[in-house]
Amino acid sequence: MLLQGIHHVALICRDYAQSRTFYHDTLGLPIVSEHYRAERESWKLNLALPDGSQLELFSFPSPPPRASHPEACGLRHLAFRVADLDRVIATLAAANVASEAVRTDEYTGRRFTFIADPDGLPLELYEMASPC
């Protein structure tokens, strides 16, 4: 295969401070690096995921809103693998992050739900057993 995996996913935030708090403090993603790029009036934050991939957050002056409803062509959602869906939902609920009702994937039998980031980007939480 030519591709070995996903290195990073990049998101543009409407409110950088709010998104930084959500992804770093609420979801617990460690910061790899953070830079202000004056020529672009833009922050760039690299956050680590446990599998070695990264989530990049960018801020830009006045980004246009994301078309989500009805669903538009392009990125549909970002899915995170979790070991214990009920524990994650409870932890997020304690931080005032609402989740949709838990559903079961009709093809895999695995449970999942959706939450939204501060910009309304749908984030899926997909339950997978932890590797032994």
Foldseek 3Di string as FASTA:
>chain_A
DPDDDAQEAEDEDADVVQLCCCVCVQVPFAWPDWDQDVVQRKIWTWTADPVNHTYIYMYGPDDDADDQVVHDPDDNAAEDEDADVVVSQVSNVVVVWHKDDWDADPPPRWIKIWTAGPRRGIYMYTHDHDDD
